[in-house]
Amino acid sequence: MNILIVGGGIGGLTCALALTRAGHAVTLVEREPRFAPVGAGIVLAPNARRILSWLGVSLEQHGAPLAGLDVVRADGALLSRMDASRFKDRYGEPWAFTRPALHDALSAALPPSVKLRFAAAVSGIERGPDGVTVRFDAASAPEHYDLVVGADGLRSSVRGLVCGPAAYRYSGVTCYRGLVPNPGIGRAIEAWGGAARIGTVPLAHGQLYYYLVLTAPQRAPALSLAELRKACAHFRGEVAQLWAALHELPPLHHDLEELDAPVWGVGRVLLLGDAAHAMTPNQGQGAAMAIEDALALTSALEAGADGALARYAALRHARVRAVQLDSRRLGQLAHLEGPALGFVRDGLMRLIPERMAAAQYVRLVEPGLSLLARCAA
């Protein structure tokens, strides 16, 4: 099939790799004049990392393995520990990357057969019984494709053109992110402190990915660095080392918004990644879901374009919706405010046995690995 992918992010690039591997002709369009990945750091759990490895993406030189994740109180006391090393032989470890490094690895893996078009934005889509007609601007001639994939993010123009206005949901928190030289933090840590949360992830080459998440009204003005320090002044322990390395305002700031529920597309226009199911990043699975989507979408096309949307949604909806809702609930739990609620939450977190945390990790990664096994068979 002749397929157009709109959006050159992680999901769009992965989809291009999966579709070309399956023998389809792929055109990938990106509105920017060149690949310009936005973001600081990212963690890929084994469900995503192993799919990318199967697709021929060389990752090891771009990232570093993680031993797991500690969730701690603002004073540094441990609430829970997910020890990923216990699953190393079974799944492999999660890996952490800068987003530009991961994007570079994906784009380097693209075969020459993928047609790349930059500085192009879709302005019109007409669906027909045997394909999709696309316009990029008023002056250009219409182009015909057997299928169109919208992988153009939370504010997807493709979704807007074929599905109408989206129902967005504000999570109640805003997020600041960036990279700094690692001051000596050895594990991935997330510290919960009521209206504030701090996350730190060690990366390769002595870098540290950090994020600061604050309860805030939607579209509130960005805080100054001094105001951020004040909002996080009650944090102690290892994450507090971040302030020794953070001397400038974080370069990235945005409210955490999501789609209220997944939207998979219409007819031969299919949606993928954030365009289909933008979610909060509280389980670190947003990019992983887009990577899984690419594999599932390719599998859904094995029986042809007709009916592909139904097959694709059947493969993805229950899985994605569960991750989306779990991430939503986890974010709400992390930002419970007030001494009483915090005391109860922290007490319950400490009572959760390690085997239950391990079982949750298995539930998170197993479906993606099962999908890979099915597609690789």
Protein backbone atom coordinates (compact mmCIF):
# COMPACT_ATOMS: atom_id res chain seq x y z
CA MET A 1 0.00 0.00 0.00
CA ASN A 2 0.96 3.63 -0.50
CA ILE A 3 0.78 5.19 2.97
CA LEU A 4 1.23 8.75 4.22
CA ILE A 5 2.43 9.31 7.80
CA VAL A 6 1.91 12.81 9.18
CA GLY A 7 4.34 13.64 11.98
CA GLY A 8 8.02 12.88 12.41
CA GLY A 9 8.15 12.21 16.14
CA ILE A 10 8.83 8.91 17.90
CA GLY A 11 5.50 7.38 16.89
CA GLY A 12 5.66 8.50 13.26
CA LEU A 13 9.23 7.29 12.79
CA THR A 14 8.48 3.94 14.42
CA CYS A 15 5.43 3.54 12.21
CA ALA A 16 7.53 4.27 9.12
CA LEU A 17 9.99 1.55 10.15
CA ALA A 18 7.25 -1.00 10.84
CA LEU A 19 5.32 -0.30 7.63
CA THR A 20 8.38 -0.41 5.38
CA ARG A 21 9.46 -3.67 7.01
CA ALA A 22 6.04 -5.04 6.03
CA GLY A 23 6.58 -3.96 2.39
CA HIS A 24 4.49 -0.79 2.22
CA ALA A 25 5.52 2.39 0.40
CA VAL A 26 5.80 5.18 2.98
CA THR A 27 5.88 8.95 2.72
CA LEU A 28 6.62 10.75 6.00
CA VAL A 29 5.79 14.45 6.27
CA GLU A 30 6.92 16.80 9.02
CA ARG A 31 5.79 20.40 9.44
CA GLU A 32 9.22 21.58 10.63
CA PRO A 33 11.96 22.28 8.07
CA ARG A 34 14.04 19.48 9.59
CA PHE A 35 13.74 16.90 12.33
CA ALA A 36 13.68 18.97 15.51
CA PRO A 37 12.78 16.73 18.46
CA VAL A 38 11.30 18.53 21.45
CA GLY A 39 11.90 17.24 24.95
CA ALA A 40 14.56 16.51 27.53
CA GLY A 41 14.72 12.89 28.65
CA ILE A 42 12.75 9.70 28.19
CA VAL A 43 12.69 6.21 29.69
CA LEU A 44 11.81 3.23 27.51
CA ALA A 45 10.53 0.18 29.35
CA PRO A 46 11.31 -3.23 27.79
CA ASN A 47 7.99 -3.34 25.91
CA ALA A 48 9.12 -0.33 23.84
CA ARG A 49 12.86 -0.97 23.74
CA ARG A 50 12.55 -4.52 22.43
CA ILE A 51 10.13 -3.47 19.68
CA LEU A 52 12.59 -0.83 18.49
CA SER A 53 15.45 -3.33 18.58
CA TRP A 54 13.39 -5.75 16.49
CA LEU A 55 12.80 -2.96 13.98
CA GLY A 56 16.55 -2.47 13.63
CA VAL A 57 17.04 0.62 15.78
CA SER A 58 20.47 0.71 17.40
CA LEU A 59 19.90 2.02 20.92
CA GLU A 60 22.79 1.01 23.16
CA GLN A 61 25.15 3.77 22.07
CA HIS A 62 22.49 6.41 22.74
CA GLY A 63 21.30 5.57 26.26
CA ALA A 64 21.95 3.89 29.58
CA PRO A 65 20.16 1.10 31.50
CA LEU A 66 18.21 1.85 34.66
CA ALA A 67 18.18 -0.39 37.70
CA GLY A 68 14.66 0.70 38.62
CA LEU A 69 12.72 3.51 40.25
CA ASP A 70 12.45 4.67 43.85
CA VAL A 71 9.37 6.60 44.98
CA VAL A 72 10.18 8.61 48.09
CA ARG A 73 8.56 11.17 50.37
CA ALA A 74 9.67 14.78 50.30
CA ASP A 75 11.98 14.05 53.24
CA GLY A 76 13.69 11.26 51.28
CA ALA A 77 12.09 8.31 53.09
CA LEU A 78 11.45 5.38 50.76
CA LEU A 79 7.82 4.65 49.87
CA SER A 80 8.30 2.00 47.20
CA ARG A 81 11.03 0.51 45.04
CA MET A 82 10.65 -1.06 41.62
CA ASP A 83 13.77 -3.19 41.14
CA ALA A 84 13.98 -3.74 37.38
CA SER A 85 17.16 -5.79 37.71
CA ARG A 86 15.10 -8.76 38.89
CA PHE A 87 13.53 -8.85 35.42
CA LYS A 88 16.77 -8.38 33.50
CA ASP A 89 16.97 -11.97 32.27
CA ARG A 90 13.26 -12.14 31.46
CA TYR A 91 12.67 -8.79 29.75
CA GLY A 92 15.88 -6.80 29.75
CA GLU A 93 16.19 -3.50 31.56
CA PRO A 94 14.53 -0.14 30.98
CA TRP A 95 16.81 2.35 29.28
CA ALA A 96 16.99 6.12 29.60
CA PHE A 97 17.81 8.51 26.76
CA THR A 98 17.77 12.14 25.89
CA ARG A 99 14.89 12.65 23.48
CA PRO A 100 17.15 14.02 20.73
CA ALA A 101 19.39 10.93 21.01
CA LEU A 102 16.44 8.56 20.73
CA HIS A 103 15.06 10.53 17.80
CA ASP A 104 18.45 10.41 16.08
CA ALA A 105 18.57 6.62 16.51
CA LEU A 106 15.12 6.27 14.96
CA SER A 107 15.78 8.57 12.02
CA ALA A 108 19.13 6.87 11.33
CA ALA A 109 17.31 3.54 11.04
CA LEU A 110 14.93 4.77 8.31
CA PRO A 111 15.52 2.92 5.04
CA PRO A 112 16.18 4.98 1.88
CA SER A 113 12.80 3.91 0.50
CA VAL A 114 10.98 6.19 2.97
CA LYS A 115 10.17 9.48 1.25
CA LEU A 116 10.76 12.39 3.61
CA ARG A 117 9.05 15.72 3.13
CA PHE A 118 9.77 18.61 5.47
CA ALA A 119 8.07 21.98 5.97
CA ALA A 120 4.76 20.41 4.93
CA ALA A 121 1.46 20.61 6.78
CA VAL A 122 -1.78 18.90 5.84
CA SER A 123 -4.53 21.41 5.08
CA GLY A 124 -7.26 19.14 3.76
CA ILE A 125 -8.31 15.48 3.79
CA GLU A 126 -11.03 13.88 1.68
CA ARG A 127 -11.92 10.27 2.32
CA GLY A 128 -13.05 8.04 -0.51
CA PRO A 129 -14.02 4.38 -0.86
CA ASP A 130 -10.59 3.40 -2.16
CA GLY A 131 -8.29 5.78 -0.34
CA VAL A 132 -7.61 9.28 0.96
CA THR A 133 -6.94 12.50 -0.93
CA VAL A 134 -4.65 14.95 0.86
CA ARG A 135 -3.85 18.61 0.26
CA PHE A 136 -0.83 20.31 1.77
CA ASP A 137 -1.72 23.88 0.76
CA ALA A 138 -4.19 25.64 -1.48
CA ALA A 139 -1.75 25.85 -4.40
CA SER A 140 -0.57 22.23 -4.42
CA ALA A 141 -2.17 19.43 -6.37
CA PRO A 142 -4.10 16.86 -4.33
CA GLU A 143 -2.27 13.61 -3.59
CA HIS A 144 -3.87 10.19 -3.25
CA TYR A 145 -2.90 7.56 -0.68
CA ASP A 146 -4.32 4.18 0.23
CA LEU A 147 -4.07 5.09 3.92
CA VAL A 148 -3.14 8.07 6.08
CA VAL A 149 -1.66 7.80 9.58
CA GLY A 150 -1.94 10.83 11.87
CA ALA A 151 1.03 10.79 14.24
CA ASP A 152 1.08 14.53 14.77
CA GLY A 153 0.68 14.81 18.51
CA LEU A 154 -1.77 16.10 21.09
CA ARG A 155 -2.99 18.98 18.88
CA SER A 156 -3.25 16.71 15.83
CA SER A 157 -4.36 18.52 12.67
CA VAL A 158 -5.20 15.18 11.07
CA ARG A 159 -7.52 14.28 13.93
CA GLY A 160 -9.16 17.69 13.75
CA LEU A 161 -9.77 17.38 10.00
CA VAL A 162 -11.42 13.96 10.16
CA CYS A 163 -12.84 13.70 13.69
CA GLY A 164 -13.63 17.29 14.62
CA PRO A 165 -12.76 19.04 17.92
CA ALA A 166 -11.15 16.89 20.59
CA ALA A 167 -12.12 16.62 24.24
CA TYR A 168 -9.00 17.59 26.20
CA ARG A 169 -8.52 17.05 29.90
CA TYR A 170 -6.23 19.14 32.10
CA SER A 171 -4.51 17.06 34.75
CA GLY A 172 -4.29 19.90 37.27
CA VAL A 173 -0.50 20.05 37.16
CA THR A 174 2.15 21.83 35.14
CA CYS A 175 5.60 20.44 34.37
CA TYR A 176 9.12 21.86 34.03
CA ARG A 177 11.81 19.66 32.42
CA GLY A 178 15.42 19.81 31.44
CA LEU A 179 18.90 18.28 31.46
CA VAL A 180 21.80 19.15 33.76
CA PRO A 181 25.18 17.62 34.62
CA ASN A 182 24.50 14.83 37.08
CA PRO A 183 25.55 15.99 40.57
CA GLY A 184 25.84 12.39 41.78
CA ILE A 185 22.31 10.93 41.71
CA GLY A 186 22.66 7.21 41.04
CA ARG A 187 19.09 5.93 40.64
CA ALA A 188 15.88 7.08 39.03
CA ILE A 189 13.91 8.74 41.83
CA GLU A 190 10.51 10.38 42.08
CA ALA A 191 9.81 12.37 45.24
CA TRP A 192 6.23 13.18 46.26
CA GLY A 193 5.62 16.35 48.24
CA GLY A 194 1.95 17.32 48.08
CA ALA A 195 1.57 20.13 45.56
CA ALA A 196 5.04 19.42 44.11
CA ARG A 197 6.86 16.42 42.71
CA ILE A 198 10.49 16.05 41.65
CA GLY A 199 11.83 13.35 39.33
CA THR A 200 15.46 12.63 38.47
CA VAL A 201 16.78 10.09 35.95
CA PRO A 202 20.52 9.44 35.40
CA LEU A 203 21.50 9.40 31.71
CA ALA A 204 24.59 8.45 29.77
CA HIS A 205 27.60 10.78 29.51
CA GLY A 206 27.13 12.26 32.99
CA GLN A 207 23.78 13.90 32.30
CA LEU A 208 20.68 14.00 34.49
CA TYR A 209 17.12 14.32 33.22
CA TYR A 210 14.88 16.09 35.71
CA TYR A 211 11.24 17.12 35.93
CA LEU A 212 9.40 19.34 38.39
CA VAL A 213 5.62 18.88 38.54
CA LEU A 214 3.49 21.46 40.38
CA THR A 215 -0.20 21.74 41.09
CA ALA A 216 -1.29 24.89 39.23
CA PRO A 217 -4.24 26.51 37.44
CA GLN A 218 -4.31 25.78 33.73
CA ARG A 219 -2.22 28.21 31.64
CA ALA A 220 -0.78 29.89 34.74
CA PRO A 221 2.33 31.99 34.02
CA ALA A 222 5.63 30.16 34.32
CA LEU A 223 7.43 30.52 37.65
CA SER A 224 10.89 31.98 38.00
CA LEU A 225 13.75 29.79 39.14
CA ALA A 226 13.56 31.38 42.59
CA GLU A 227 9.85 30.58 42.77
CA LEU A 228 10.49 26.98 41.71
CA ARG A 229 13.10 26.62 44.43
CA LYS A 230 10.65 27.99 46.98
CA ALA A 231 7.88 25.60 45.84
CA CYS A 232 10.29 22.69 46.26
CA ALA A 233 12.11 23.91 49.39
CA HIS A 234 10.65 21.10 51.53
CA PHE A 235 12.38 18.33 49.54
CA ARG A 236 15.33 16.59 51.18
CA GLY A 237 17.41 13.56 50.38
CA GLU A 238 19.02 12.64 47.07
CA VAL A 239 16.70 14.60 44.77
CA ALA A 240 17.61 17.83 46.59
CA GLN A 241 21.04 17.56 44.95
CA LEU A 242 19.35 18.76 41.77
CA TRP A 243 19.48 22.36 42.99
CA ALA A 244 23.26 22.30 43.08
CA ALA A 245 23.25 21.72 39.32
CA LEU A 246 20.19 23.75 38.30
CA HIS A 247 21.26 27.36 37.77
CA GLU A 248 18.83 28.41 35.04
CA LEU A 249 15.08 28.17 34.53
CA PRO A 250 14.17 24.78 33.03
CA PRO A 251 14.01 25.13 29.25
CA LEU A 252 10.74 23.23 28.86
CA HIS A 253 7.46 24.12 30.54
CA HIS A 254 3.95 22.97 29.69
CA ASP A 255 0.71 21.99 31.36
CA LEU A 256 0.08 18.25 31.43
CA GLU A 257 -2.98 17.70 29.24
CA GLU A 258 -4.40 14.53 27.78
CA LEU A 259 -7.21 13.37 25.55
CA ASP A 260 -10.22 12.50 27.63
CA ALA A 261 -10.48 9.15 25.84
CA PRO A 262 -8.74 7.48 22.87
CA VAL A 263 -9.78 8.38 19.31
CA TRP A 264 -8.56 5.90 16.69
CA GLY A 265 -9.55 7.57 13.41
CA VAL A 266 -12.15 7.35 10.66
CA GLY A 267 -12.17 4.97 7.69
CA ARG A 268 -8.71 4.86 6.14
CA VAL A 269 -7.36 7.66 8.34
CA LEU A 270 -5.84 6.08 11.45
CA LEU A 271 -4.40 7.88 14.48
CA LEU A 272 -1.35 6.89 16.48
CA GLY A 273 0.41 7.95 19.67
CA ASP A 274 -0.59 11.25 21.25
CA ALA A 275 -2.86 12.03 18.30
CA ALA A 276 -4.94 9.02 19.33
CA HIS A 277 -4.55 8.84 23.10
CA ALA A 278 -2.36 11.52 24.66
CA MET A 279 -1.94 10.63 28.34
CA THR A 280 -0.15 11.91 31.39
CA PRO A 281 3.45 10.66 31.73
CA ASN A 282 3.02 9.21 35.21
CA GLN A 283 3.93 5.65 34.19
CA GLY A 284 6.49 6.64 31.57
CA GLN A 285 4.48 4.85 28.89
CA GLY A 286 3.37 7.57 26.49
CA ALA A 287 6.07 6.95 23.87
CA ALA A 288 5.87 3.20 24.52
CA MET A 289 2.19 3.20 23.62
CA ALA A 290 2.99 5.01 20.35
CA ILE A 291 5.68 2.43 19.58
CA GLU A 292 3.25 -0.41 20.28
CA ASP A 293 0.63 1.38 18.14
CA ALA A 294 2.99 1.30 15.16
CA LEU A 295 3.35 -2.46 15.42
CA ALA A 296 -0.38 -3.04 15.95
CA LEU A 297 -1.34 -0.76 13.05
CA THR A 298 1.02 -2.64 10.73
CA SER A 299 -0.46 -5.92 11.89
CA ALA A 300 -4.00 -4.62 11.29
CA LEU A 301 -3.09 -3.94 7.65
CA GLU A 302 -2.14 -7.53 6.94
CA ALA A 303 -5.74 -8.19 5.86
CA GLY A 304 -5.87 -4.99 3.77
CA ALA A 305 -6.95 -1.39 4.28
CA ASP A 306 -10.68 -2.14 4.46
CA GLY A 307 -11.59 -2.88 8.06
CA ALA A 308 -8.09 -1.97 9.28
CA LEU A 309 -9.42 0.68 11.66
CA ALA A 310 -11.65 -1.81 13.47
CA ARG A 311 -8.84 -4.36 13.71
CA TYR A 312 -6.40 -1.73 14.93
CA ALA A 313 -8.78 -0.39 17.59
CA ALA A 314 -9.54 -3.93 18.75
CA LEU A 315 -5.83 -4.55 19.24
CA ARG A 316 -5.18 -1.30 21.08
CA HIS A 317 -8.18 0.21 22.84
CA ALA A 318 -8.38 -1.88 26.03
CA ARG A 319 -4.61 -1.84 26.48
CA VAL A 320 -4.19 1.88 25.93
CA ARG A 321 -7.24 2.88 27.95
CA ALA A 322 -6.02 0.90 30.96
CA VAL A 323 -2.60 2.58 30.83
CA GLN A 324 -4.17 6.01 30.32
CA LEU A 325 -6.50 5.67 33.32
CA ASP A 326 -3.82 4.14 35.57
CA SER A 327 -1.50 7.04 34.72
CA ARG A 328 -4.27 9.51 35.49
CA ARG A 329 -4.95 7.93 38.88
CA LEU A 330 -1.26 7.72 39.77
CA GLY A 331 -0.83 11.43 39.10
CA GLN A 332 -3.78 12.23 41.33
CA LEU A 333 -2.35 10.03 44.09
CA ALA A 334 1.06 11.67 43.88
CA HIS A 335 -0.39 15.16 44.34
CA LEU A 336 -2.69 14.53 47.30
CA GLU A 337 -2.33 17.54 49.57
CA GLY A 338 -2.74 17.95 53.30
CA PRO A 339 -1.05 16.13 56.20
CA ALA A 340 -3.89 13.65 56.77
CA LEU A 341 -4.23 12.51 53.16
CA GLY A 342 -0.47 12.40 52.73
CA PHE A 343 -0.04 10.35 55.89
CA VAL A 344 -2.63 7.78 54.80
CA ARG A 345 -1.24 7.57 51.26
CA ASP A 346 2.35 7.18 52.41
CA GLY A 347 1.37 4.52 54.92
CA LEU A 348 -0.48 2.52 52.29
CA MET A 349 2.39 2.84 49.84
CA ARG A 350 4.80 1.41 52.39
CA LEU A 351 2.48 -1.52 53.06
CA ILE A 352 2.45 -2.61 49.42
CA PRO A 353 4.74 -5.67 49.23
CA GLU A 354 7.49 -5.66 46.63
CA ARG A 355 5.88 -8.60 44.85
CA MET A 356 2.80 -6.44 44.11
CA ALA A 357 4.97 -3.69 42.63
CA ALA A 358 6.69 -6.35 40.55
CA ALA A 359 3.34 -7.71 39.38
CA GLN A 360 2.28 -4.23 38.29
CA TYR A 361 5.48 -3.89 36.28
CA VAL A 362 4.76 -7.20 34.57
CA ARG A 363 1.22 -6.07 33.73
CA LEU A 364 2.67 -2.92 32.21
CA VAL A 365 5.22 -4.53 29.91
CA GLU A 366 3.84 -7.99 29.10
CA PRO A 367 1.12 -6.91 26.61
CA GLY A 368 3.66 -5.06 24.47
CA LEU A 369 6.01 -8.03 24.47
CA SER A 370 3.13 -10.34 23.56
CA LEU A 371 2.28 -8.05 20.65
CA LEU A 372 5.90 -8.20 19.50
CA ALA A 373 5.93 -11.99 19.74
CA ARG A 374 2.79 -12.18 17.63
CA CYS A 375 4.16 -9.84 14.95
CA ALA A 376 7.59 -11.45 14.90
CA ALA A 377 6.20 -14.98 14.50
